[in-house]
Amino acid sequence: MWRCTVCGYVYDPKEGDPEHGVSPGTPFEDLPDDWVCPECGAGKDLFEKLD
């Protein structure tokens, strides 16, 4: 899982982001380069991996 360092949104690969065209089961690394946080619009580079 990956957390947005701006707003705290957590991207769960099991859930994906279906509202924005990302199917469940999509690894964070496979998200499109132009994907942004659905909560605040931050880019992928502002996410941190959770252990």
Protein backbone atom coordinates (compact mmCIF):
# COMPACT_ATOMS: atom_id res chain seq x y z
CA MET A 1 0.00 0.00 0.00
CA TRP A 2 1.10 3.56 -0.71
CA ARG A 3 0.23 6.75 1.18
CA CYS A 4 -0.03 10.26 -0.22
CA THR A 5 2.34 12.46 1.78
CA VAL A 6 0.14 15.50 1.10
CA CYS A 7 -3.29 14.35 2.30
CA GLY A 8 -2.84 10.85 3.74
CA TYR A 9 -4.90 8.99 1.10
CA VAL A 10 -3.84 5.33 0.95
CA TYR A 11 -3.72 3.54 -2.41
CA ASP A 12 -4.51 -0.15 -1.92
CA PRO A 13 -3.56 -2.21 -4.99
CA LYS A 14 -6.25 -4.76 -4.09
CA GLU A 15 -8.91 -2.07 -4.46
CA GLY A 16 -7.33 -0.05 -7.27
CA ASP A 17 -9.01 3.26 -8.17
CA PRO A 18 -11.99 2.20 -10.31
CA GLU A 19 -13.48 5.70 -10.35
CA HIS A 20 -10.38 6.84 -12.26
CA GLY A 21 -9.96 3.83 -14.55
CA VAL A 22 -7.59 1.77 -12.38
CA SER A 23 -8.74 -1.83 -12.00
CA PRO A 24 -8.50 -3.69 -8.70
CA GLY A 25 -5.23 -5.64 -8.52
CA THR A 26 -3.16 -2.90 -10.20
CA PRO A 27 0.24 -2.48 -8.50
CA PHE A 28 1.24 1.10 -7.70
CA GLU A 29 4.21 0.76 -10.04
CA ASP A 30 1.83 -0.01 -12.93
CA LEU A 31 -0.35 3.09 -12.46
CA PRO A 32 -0.20 5.46 -15.44
CA ASP A 33 2.43 8.20 -15.11
CA ASP A 34 -0.31 10.83 -15.18
CA TRP A 35 -2.32 9.20 -12.36
CA VAL A 36 -2.82 11.55 -9.41
CA CYS A 37 -4.16 11.19 -5.89
CA PRO A 38 -7.96 11.05 -6.14
CA GLU A 39 -8.26 13.10 -2.94
CA CYS A 40 -5.86 16.01 -3.50
CA GLY A 41 -4.38 15.68 -7.00
CA ALA A 42 -0.77 15.02 -5.87
CA GLY A 43 1.44 13.15 -8.33
CA LYS A 44 2.79 9.63 -7.87
CA ASP A 45 6.13 11.08 -6.76
CA LEU A 46 4.49 12.35 -3.58
CA PHE A 47 3.47 8.86 -2.40
CA GLU A 48 5.44 6.75 0.06
CA LYS A 49 5.38 2.97 0.38
CA LEU A 50 3.86 1.64 3.59
CA ASP A 51 5.44 -1.45 5.16
